[in-house]
Amino acid sequence: MLLSVPCNTDALNISEAVCDCFTNPHTLEQLIRDSEDGRLRFTPFKWKSTALANGFPGLILFLASQPKVVPHLIHEYVLRLKTSIEKEGIGGLGLFSGVAGICFALDCVYKRTGAYHKLLSTLQTQLLNRIEQDLIKPLETKAPYPCCYYDTMQGLSGIGRYLLEHISSPSCARIVKKIIHSLIQITEPILIEKRQVPGWYLCSSDPMQGRSAALFNKGSFNLGLAHGIPGVLAFLSIAKLRNVELPRQNEAIERIVSWIRGKKLMRDNYPCWPSAISFEQELEECAPKRERAQDAWCYGTPGVARSLMLAGKALDDPELRKFAASAFIGVMNRAPEAWYLPEAMLCHGLSGLLLIAKKMQGESECDFIEIQGLKQRVIDRYDPLSLFGFHDLREKKDATPYRVSNPGFLDGSIGVALTLLSLEREDLPNWDLPFMLA
């Protein structure tokens, strides 16, 4: 399948070309089967049918966000999503990979078309019924707490952000308050090796350490908006801005802010952050090291800066807002090559930075930043000879890089197309809610 080549490669035309990839559900199904079986002449792509990140929910969200919604096409993919749920189950509750993500996608469709209310209601009830047992009670046990229980991607922060949109529902409001209470709890200090450290400490065996486990053999403190404490900070701040506030919530926000500010490095006279702080660095047994860090949404200074800006707004703290703006201005002042973002994807690519830049441009402290050059860099990565319009750069287990064209929302062409479309149209639904930026 080759994409159409737009006459003008502008944002709207590219978004339409990517959308054209999905007008035939049978073709996509065959591509998925060929990818899973290794029969593609392209590199096999990521696909998990029930995940917002790279499955049918992300595609449904994309189609529901188009200027002209095609209900019968959305319905074809909703049917395939239901079949996948019946065959595979859903598993987790998270926003990018579980029940909350499916609910979010269906909620966007419901708000545009009025359809699928019964299915949405059933899944949302399942979500509310499972949160306490699956995610809140485990955080009542002895620390350290795995970040998958509280982060943006899989945990309470991301799920809470979705449920904030339904805060008028008493059942949702009750769970949101429980989520906030749990997140406040993880900001309390804990004892590790008889030393007091922040409650978001991750032990060396936490799955999120991944390849970094050898670097953090005594554990670490994650600084990514996707999996670390900035995601918690963003959610607590957004909740307060939405007038949902519990006792000690302000103190929790201030505690996280103080810690993040204390871990800053300086680059060209602007604040920046590494992806994580080691246990030894936290105890000041060795200084934080400047690393070759990406300026991405998932990890890097842009996501941290945005979380600090939200905290500054929630606390009504002009100095904190100015500090957050300074960090982001430093990113935008760097040469694009120094962002280390070779591809266009949302998670760890140029579209994620562009999305944050658009949000930061709306703040008075950053309203002068220019994003057209960044937008053009995203557009320039459009490749009509690729499977879905854009490539992602990944690494094999042996660290060998390879390129793949993913269809998905988080690290695929759908997310890039939505980012470009949102820059041209102000009337899109709240499609970027999962990224915890506003």
Protein backbone atom coordinates (compact mmCIF):
# COMPACT_ATOMS: atom_id res chain seq x y z
CA MET A 1 0.00 0.00 0.00
CA LEU A 2 1.50 3.35 -1.07
CA LEU A 3 0.21 6.70 0.13
CA SER A 4 -1.13 9.42 -2.06
CA VAL A 5 1.37 12.23 -2.64
CA PRO A 6 -0.23 15.57 -1.71
CA CYS A 7 0.05 18.29 -4.34
CA ASN A 8 1.17 20.59 -1.54
CA THR A 9 2.92 18.92 1.37
CA ASP A 10 1.32 21.11 4.01
CA ALA A 11 -0.08 19.97 7.34
CA LEU A 12 -3.69 19.50 6.21
CA ASN A 13 -2.83 17.57 3.05
CA ILE A 14 -0.44 15.27 4.88
CA SER A 15 -3.05 14.59 7.56
CA GLU A 16 -5.57 13.71 4.83
CA ALA A 17 -3.04 11.42 3.12
CA VAL A 18 -2.42 9.54 6.37
CA CYS A 19 -6.17 9.29 6.95
CA ASP A 20 -6.52 7.72 3.50
CA CYS A 21 -4.38 4.81 4.73
CA PHE A 22 -7.27 3.64 6.89
CA THR A 23 -10.28 3.94 4.60
CA ASN A 24 -10.28 0.18 3.95
CA PRO A 25 -10.38 -1.83 7.21
CA HIS A 26 -9.79 -5.10 5.34
CA THR A 27 -6.52 -3.80 3.90
CA LEU A 28 -5.32 -2.72 7.34
CA GLU A 29 -6.25 -6.12 8.80
CA GLN A 30 -4.23 -7.86 6.11
CA LEU A 31 -1.25 -5.59 6.81
CA ILE A 32 -1.51 -6.40 10.52
CA ARG A 33 -1.54 -10.13 9.80
CA ASP A 34 1.38 -9.82 7.40
CA SER A 35 3.33 -7.79 9.94
CA GLU A 36 2.70 -10.33 12.70
CA ASP A 37 3.69 -13.20 10.39
CA GLY A 38 6.79 -11.44 9.06
CA ARG A 39 5.47 -11.41 5.50
CA LEU A 40 5.75 -7.66 4.92
CA ARG A 41 8.40 -6.30 2.60
CA PHE A 42 8.53 -3.50 5.16
CA THR A 43 9.84 -3.85 8.73
CA PRO A 44 7.07 -5.32 10.95
CA PHE A 45 5.25 -2.57 12.82
CA LYS A 46 3.88 -2.25 16.34
CA TRP A 47 0.25 -3.22 16.85
CA LYS A 48 -1.80 -4.13 19.90
CA SER A 49 -5.46 -4.13 18.96
CA THR A 50 -6.89 -2.90 22.28
CA ALA A 51 -4.26 -0.22 23.06
CA LEU A 52 -4.71 3.50 22.54
CA ALA A 53 -0.96 3.74 21.93
CA ASN A 54 -0.83 1.46 18.89
CA GLY A 55 -4.18 -0.18 18.23
CA PHE A 56 -7.79 0.36 17.23
CA PRO A 57 -8.59 2.92 20.00
CA GLY A 58 -5.92 5.30 18.66
CA LEU A 59 -7.24 4.85 15.12
CA ILE A 60 -10.82 5.45 16.28
CA LEU A 61 -9.68 8.62 18.07
CA PHE A 62 -7.94 9.76 14.89
CA LEU A 63 -11.02 9.22 12.72
CA ALA A 64 -13.27 10.90 15.29
CA SER A 65 -10.99 13.96 15.24
CA GLN A 66 -11.20 14.53 11.50
CA PRO A 67 -13.00 17.65 10.21
CA LYS A 68 -15.44 15.37 8.39
CA VAL A 69 -16.34 12.38 10.54
CA VAL A 70 -17.30 9.22 8.63
CA PRO A 71 -19.50 7.27 11.09
CA HIS A 72 -19.67 4.03 9.10
CA LEU A 73 -15.84 3.82 8.91
CA ILE A 74 -15.50 4.44 12.64
CA HIS A 75 -18.12 1.74 13.18
CA GLU A 76 -16.06 -0.79 11.21
CA TYR A 77 -13.12 -0.22 13.54
CA VAL A 78 -15.28 -0.22 16.69
CA LEU A 79 -16.57 -3.65 15.64
CA ARG A 80 -12.99 -4.87 15.24
CA LEU A 81 -12.09 -3.42 18.63
CA LYS A 82 -15.02 -5.26 20.25
CA THR A 83 -13.94 -8.49 18.60
CA SER A 84 -10.39 -8.01 19.88
CA ILE A 85 -11.65 -7.36 23.41
CA GLU A 86 -13.73 -10.54 23.30
CA LYS A 87 -10.82 -12.63 21.97
CA GLU A 88 -7.86 -11.13 23.81
CA GLY A 89 -9.33 -9.29 26.78
CA ILE A 90 -7.90 -5.91 27.74
CA GLY A 91 -5.66 -6.64 30.68
CA GLY A 92 -4.57 -3.40 32.30
CA LEU A 93 -6.46 -0.23 33.09
CA GLY A 94 -3.96 2.32 31.81
CA LEU A 95 -4.60 5.24 29.50
CA PHE A 96 -2.20 4.19 26.76
CA SER A 97 -2.60 0.43 26.93
CA GLY A 98 -5.76 -0.46 28.84
CA VAL A 99 -9.41 0.20 29.60
CA ALA A 100 -9.01 3.95 30.22
CA GLY A 101 -7.59 4.44 26.74
CA ILE A 102 -10.50 2.63 25.10
CA CYS A 103 -12.92 4.72 27.14
CA PHE A 104 -11.16 7.91 26.09
CA ALA A 105 -11.36 7.05 22.39
CA LEU A 106 -15.03 6.04 22.60
CA ASP A 107 -15.81 9.15 24.63
CA CYS A 108 -14.38 11.31 21.83
CA VAL A 109 -16.57 9.47 19.31
CA TYR A 110 -19.62 9.84 21.55
CA LYS A 111 -19.07 13.59 21.87
CA ARG A 112 -18.83 13.95 18.08
CA THR A 113 -21.57 11.53 16.99
CA GLY A 114 -23.63 10.46 20.01
CA ALA A 115 -22.80 6.80 19.30
CA TYR A 116 -21.48 3.97 21.51
CA HIS A 117 -22.76 5.34 24.81
CA LYS A 118 -23.73 1.87 26.05
CA LEU A 119 -20.32 0.37 25.25
CA LEU A 120 -18.56 3.37 26.79
CA SER A 121 -20.69 3.16 29.93
CA THR A 122 -19.99 -0.57 30.32
CA LEU A 123 -16.23 -0.14 29.99
CA GLN A 124 -16.12 2.93 32.23
CA THR A 125 -17.99 1.05 34.94
CA GLN A 126 -15.44 -1.76 34.62
CA LEU A 127 -12.65 0.80 34.95
CA LEU A 128 -14.13 2.38 38.07
CA ASN A 129 -14.78 -1.00 39.67
CA ARG A 130 -11.20 -2.18 39.21
CA ILE A 131 -9.11 0.89 40.05
CA GLU A 132 -9.11 0.50 43.82
CA GLN A 133 -8.19 -3.19 43.79
CA ASP A 134 -5.71 -3.07 40.91
CA LEU A 135 -3.90 0.21 41.48
CA ILE A 136 -4.82 2.03 44.69
CA LYS A 137 -4.55 -0.81 47.21
CA PRO A 138 -1.06 -1.84 46.01
CA LEU A 139 0.11 1.70 46.80
CA GLU A 140 -1.07 1.24 50.39
CA THR A 141 1.55 -1.46 50.88
CA LYS A 142 5.15 -0.88 51.83
CA ALA A 143 7.26 1.29 49.50
CA PRO A 144 9.01 1.41 47.08
CA TYR A 145 6.15 1.62 44.62
CA PRO A 146 6.50 0.46 40.98
CA CYS A 147 5.92 3.45 38.71
CA CYS A 148 3.40 1.52 36.61
CA TYR A 149 0.91 2.04 39.45
CA TYR A 150 1.05 5.83 39.34
CA ASP A 151 2.56 7.06 36.04
CA THR A 152 0.99 8.73 33.01
CA MET A 153 1.22 5.76 30.67
CA GLN A 154 -0.22 2.90 32.71
CA GLY A 155 -1.01 4.22 36.16
CA LEU A 156 -3.21 6.47 38.24
CA SER A 157 -2.02 9.79 36.83
CA GLY A 158 -3.11 9.00 33.28
CA ILE A 159 -6.34 7.32 34.36
CA GLY A 160 -7.09 10.22 36.69
CA ARG A 161 -6.61 12.68 33.84
CA TYR A 162 -9.29 10.88 31.81
CA LEU A 163 -11.68 10.70 34.75
CA LEU A 164 -11.29 14.45 35.41
CA GLU A 165 -13.31 14.94 32.23
CA HIS A 166 -16.20 13.18 34.00
CA ILE A 167 -15.82 14.83 37.39
CA SER A 168 -19.54 15.76 37.40
CA SER A 169 -20.30 12.05 37.83
CA PRO A 170 -20.32 11.20 41.57
CA SER A 171 -18.71 7.80 40.95
CA CYS A 172 -15.90 9.37 38.90
CA ALA A 173 -15.42 12.19 41.41
CA ARG A 174 -15.08 9.65 44.24
CA ILE A 175 -12.38 7.71 42.40
CA VAL A 176 -10.52 10.86 41.31
CA LYS A 177 -10.26 11.93 44.95
CA LYS A 178 -8.95 8.50 45.91
CA ILE A 179 -6.39 8.76 43.11
CA ILE A 180 -5.25 12.18 44.32
CA HIS A 181 -4.98 10.85 47.87
CA SER A 182 -2.77 7.97 46.66
CA LEU A 183 -0.56 10.27 44.61
CA ILE A 184 -0.12 12.60 47.56
CA GLN A 185 0.99 9.56 49.54
CA ILE A 186 3.79 8.67 47.14
CA THR A 187 5.29 12.15 47.52
CA GLU A 188 5.95 11.46 51.21
CA PRO A 189 9.57 10.54 52.07
CA ILE A 190 10.48 6.89 52.60
CA LEU A 191 13.49 5.10 54.07
CA ILE A 192 15.85 3.22 51.74
CA GLU A 193 19.05 1.80 53.23
CA LYS A 194 18.27 3.85 56.35
CA ARG A 195 18.32 7.05 54.32
CA GLN A 196 15.31 9.30 53.73
CA VAL A 197 14.50 9.72 50.03
CA PRO A 198 11.47 10.81 47.98
CA GLY A 199 8.61 8.31 47.83
CA TRP A 200 8.91 7.96 44.04
CA TYR A 201 12.16 6.04 44.39
CA LEU A 202 12.35 3.09 41.96
CA CYS A 203 14.27 0.00 43.03
CA SER A 204 16.86 -1.44 40.67
CA SER A 205 14.55 -4.34 39.73
CA ASP A 206 11.65 -2.08 38.65
CA PRO A 207 10.77 -3.05 35.05
CA MET A 208 11.01 0.60 34.05
CA GLN A 209 14.76 0.54 34.65
CA GLY A 210 15.13 -1.66 31.55
CA ARG A 211 18.53 -1.33 29.96
CA SER A 212 19.46 1.31 32.55
CA ALA A 213 19.39 -1.22 35.41
CA ALA A 214 23.17 -1.55 35.29
CA LEU A 215 23.52 2.21 35.66
CA PHE A 216 21.11 2.31 38.58
CA ASN A 217 22.09 -0.73 40.61
CA LYS A 218 20.92 1.02 43.77
CA GLY A 219 17.75 2.38 42.19
CA SER A 220 16.75 5.71 40.69
CA PHE A 221 14.22 8.54 40.47
CA ASN A 222 12.51 8.84 37.07
CA LEU A 223 12.28 12.34 35.54
CA GLY A 224 10.18 11.49 32.48
CA LEU A 225 6.69 12.88 31.93
CA ALA A 226 5.66 9.47 30.61
CA HIS A 227 6.77 7.31 33.54
CA GLY A 228 8.20 9.56 36.23
CA ILE A 229 7.27 12.13 38.85
CA PRO A 230 6.64 14.98 36.34
CA GLY A 231 3.52 13.10 35.25
CA VAL A 232 2.25 13.01 38.83
CA LEU A 233 3.04 16.72 39.18
CA ALA A 234 1.16 17.53 35.98
CA PHE A 235 -1.92 15.58 37.06
CA LEU A 236 -2.07 17.05 40.58
CA SER A 237 -1.68 20.52 39.08
CA ILE A 238 -4.34 20.00 36.40
CA ALA A 239 -6.73 18.64 39.05
CA LYS A 240 -6.20 21.76 41.17
CA LEU A 241 -6.72 23.98 38.14
CA ARG A 242 -10.00 22.12 37.61
CA ASN A 243 -10.95 22.96 41.24
CA VAL A 244 -10.41 19.41 42.49
CA GLU A 245 -8.25 19.76 45.56
CA LEU A 246 -7.63 17.66 48.67
CA PRO A 247 -5.80 18.48 51.89
CA ARG A 248 -2.00 18.35 51.40
CA GLN A 249 -2.33 18.49 47.61
CA ASN A 250 -0.59 21.86 47.49
CA GLU A 251 2.20 20.54 49.71
CA ALA A 252 2.64 17.53 47.43
CA ILE A 253 2.91 19.79 44.38
CA GLU A 254 5.42 22.03 46.15
CA ARG A 255 7.45 19.02 47.31
CA ILE A 256 7.78 17.66 43.77
CA VAL A 257 8.59 21.11 42.37
CA SER A 258 11.30 21.67 44.96
CA TRP A 259 12.89 18.31 44.20
CA ILE A 260 12.81 18.78 40.41
CA ARG A 261 14.30 22.26 40.68
CA GLY A 262 17.02 20.88 42.91
CA LYS A 263 18.03 18.37 40.22
CA LYS A 264 18.42 20.83 37.37
CA LEU A 265 21.57 21.02 35.30
CA MET A 266 22.53 24.06 33.24
CA ARG A 267 23.03 24.04 29.49
CA ASP A 268 23.89 27.29 27.73
CA ASN A 269 22.63 29.13 30.84
CA TYR A 270 19.21 27.45 30.73
CA PRO A 271 17.87 24.75 33.11
CA CYS A 272 17.69 21.19 31.81
CA TRP A 273 17.23 17.70 33.26
CA PRO A 274 18.49 14.16 32.72
CA SER A 275 16.05 11.28 32.27
CA ALA A 276 16.67 9.98 35.79
CA ILE A 277 18.61 10.59 39.00
CA SER A 278 20.50 7.70 40.57
CA PHE A 279 20.20 6.77 44.24
CA GLU A 280 23.80 7.89 44.75
CA GLN A 281 23.15 11.23 43.09
CA GLU A 282 20.09 11.77 45.27
CA LEU A 283 22.25 11.27 48.34
CA GLU A 284 24.81 13.64 46.79
CA GLU A 285 27.46 10.97 46.83
CA CYS A 286 28.15 11.98 43.24
CA ALA A 287 27.02 14.88 41.09
CA PRO A 288 24.30 14.55 38.43
CA LYS A 289 25.84 14.02 35.02
CA ARG A 290 24.97 15.78 31.80
CA GLU A 291 23.76 13.12 29.40
CA ARG A 292 23.02 13.08 25.70
CA ALA A 293 19.34 13.56 26.45
CA GLN A 294 16.53 13.85 23.93
CA ASP A 295 14.26 16.89 24.12
CA ALA A 296 11.18 14.71 23.83
CA TRP A 297 7.72 14.41 25.37
CA CYS A 298 8.39 11.13 27.15
CA TYR A 299 11.81 12.07 28.57
CA GLY A 300 13.70 15.30 28.55
CA THR A 301 13.44 18.97 29.44
CA PRO A 302 10.27 19.81 27.42
CA GLY A 303 8.02 17.50 29.43
CA VAL A 304 9.59 18.57 32.72
CA ALA A 305 9.21 22.24 31.81
CA ARG A 306 5.55 21.78 30.91
CA SER A 307 4.81 20.03 34.22
CA LEU A 308 6.50 22.89 36.09
CA MET A 309 4.46 25.44 34.12
CA LEU A 310 1.25 23.67 35.11
CA ALA A 311 2.41 23.65 38.74
CA GLY A 312 3.20 27.37 38.52
CA LYS A 313 -0.32 28.02 37.28
CA ALA A 314 -1.88 25.80 39.94
CA LEU A 315 0.10 27.45 42.74
CA ASP A 316 -0.31 30.94 41.22
CA ASP A 317 3.48 31.29 41.38
CA PRO A 318 4.80 33.75 38.76
CA GLU A 319 8.43 32.95 39.58
CA LEU A 320 7.90 29.23 38.97
CA ARG A 321 6.15 29.96 35.68
CA LYS A 322 9.10 32.11 34.64
CA PHE A 323 11.52 29.34 35.61
CA ALA A 324 9.55 26.76 33.60
CA ALA A 325 9.45 29.11 30.62
CA SER A 326 13.22 29.63 30.84
CA ALA A 327 13.81 25.88 30.64
CA PHE A 328 11.61 25.54 27.56
CA ILE A 329 13.05 28.60 25.86
CA GLY A 330 16.44 26.97 26.32
CA VAL A 331 15.18 23.95 24.36
CA MET A 332 13.86 26.08 21.53
CA ASN A 333 17.08 28.08 21.37
CA ARG A 334 19.14 24.95 20.76
CA ALA A 335 20.14 23.87 17.29
CA PRO A 336 17.55 21.30 16.11
CA GLU A 337 20.29 18.68 15.81
CA ALA A 338 20.87 19.03 19.56
CA TRP A 339 17.30 17.90 20.30
CA TYR A 340 18.29 14.36 19.22
CA LEU A 341 14.89 13.83 17.62
CA PRO A 342 15.56 12.23 14.23
CA GLU A 343 11.96 11.23 13.47
CA ALA A 344 8.50 12.76 13.73
CA MET A 345 6.66 10.67 16.35
CA LEU A 346 4.79 12.02 19.38
CA CYS A 347 6.39 9.95 22.13
CA HIS A 348 10.08 10.49 21.41
CA GLY A 349 10.07 12.57 18.25
CA LEU A 350 9.53 16.01 16.81
CA SER A 351 5.72 15.95 17.07
CA GLY A 352 5.89 15.59 20.84
CA LEU A 353 8.13 18.64 21.07
CA LEU A 354 5.86 20.51 18.65
CA LEU A 355 2.78 19.68 20.71
CA ILE A 356 4.44 20.96 23.90
CA ALA A 357 5.71 24.06 22.06
CA LYS A 358 2.16 24.88 20.97
CA LYS A 359 0.94 24.62 24.58
CA MET A 360 3.83 26.70 25.90
CA GLN A 361 3.27 29.33 23.20
CA GLY A 362 -0.13 29.90 24.78
CA GLU A 363 1.51 31.05 28.03
CA SER A 364 2.36 34.74 28.41
CA GLU A 365 5.93 33.87 29.39
CA CYS A 366 6.48 32.00 26.09
CA ASP A 367 4.12 33.70 23.65
CA PHE A 368 7.03 34.94 21.55
CA ILE A 369 8.49 31.52 20.68
CA GLU A 370 8.44 30.57 17.01
CA ILE A 371 7.25 27.08 16.08
CA GLN A 372 6.97 27.24 12.29
CA GLY A 373 10.49 25.90 11.79
CA LEU A 374 9.74 22.95 14.07
CA LYS A 375 6.45 22.31 12.29
CA GLN A 376 8.27 22.28 8.95
CA ARG A 377 10.77 19.72 10.27
CA VAL A 378 7.83 17.42 11.03
CA ILE A 379 6.35 17.99 7.58
CA ASP A 380 9.72 17.30 5.95
CA ARG A 381 9.70 13.81 7.43
CA TYR A 382 6.60 12.81 5.50
CA ASP A 383 7.48 9.92 3.19
CA PRO A 384 4.78 8.77 0.74
CA LEU A 385 6.84 5.64 0.03
CA SER A 386 6.56 4.49 3.63
CA LEU A 387 3.72 2.27 4.79
CA PHE A 388 1.83 4.90 6.80
CA GLY A 389 3.52 8.18 5.94
CA PHE A 390 6.20 8.53 8.62
CA HIS A 391 9.04 6.46 10.04
CA ASP A 392 10.11 5.82 13.60
CA LEU A 393 13.71 5.11 14.55
CA ARG A 394 14.06 2.18 16.98
CA GLU A 395 16.84 0.02 18.37
CA LYS A 396 17.23 -3.75 18.35
CA LYS A 397 18.36 -5.56 21.49
CA ASP A 398 21.95 -5.16 20.36
CA ALA A 399 21.39 -1.37 19.98
CA THR A 400 21.42 -1.54 16.17
CA PRO A 401 19.08 1.20 14.86
CA TYR A 402 16.33 0.48 12.36
CA ARG A 403 13.41 2.40 10.85
CA VAL A 404 9.80 1.29 10.88
CA SER A 405 6.53 2.88 9.76
CA ASN A 406 4.03 2.42 12.59
CA PRO A 407 0.35 3.27 12.20
CA GLY A 408 -0.18 4.07 15.89
CA PHE A 409 -1.08 7.06 18.03
CA LEU A 410 1.87 7.20 20.44
CA ASP A 411 4.79 6.41 18.15
CA GLY A 412 3.15 6.17 14.75
CA SER A 413 1.78 8.21 11.87
CA ILE A 414 -1.66 8.76 13.42
CA GLY A 415 -0.14 10.83 16.23
CA VAL A 416 1.96 12.89 13.82
CA ALA A 417 -1.04 13.57 11.59
CA LEU A 418 -3.16 14.63 14.57
CA THR A 419 -0.45 17.01 15.74
CA LEU A 420 -0.25 18.64 12.31
CA LEU A 421 -4.02 18.79 11.99
CA SER A 422 -4.39 20.45 15.42
CA LEU A 423 -2.10 23.29 14.33
CA GLU A 424 -4.46 24.09 11.47
CA ARG A 425 -7.80 23.67 13.21
CA GLU A 426 -8.94 24.90 16.62
CA ASP A 427 -12.15 22.84 16.65
CA LEU A 428 -10.64 19.40 17.23
CA PRO A 429 -11.79 17.36 20.24
CA ASN A 430 -9.47 17.11 23.23
CA TRP A 431 -7.41 14.44 21.45
CA ASP A 432 -4.10 15.24 23.21
CA LEU A 433 -5.49 14.80 26.75
CA PRO A 434 -3.42 11.64 27.39
CA PHE A 435 -0.16 13.59 27.07
CA MET A 436 -0.86 15.46 30.33
CA LEU A 437 -0.07 18.89 28.91
CA ALA A 438 -3.18 20.91 29.80
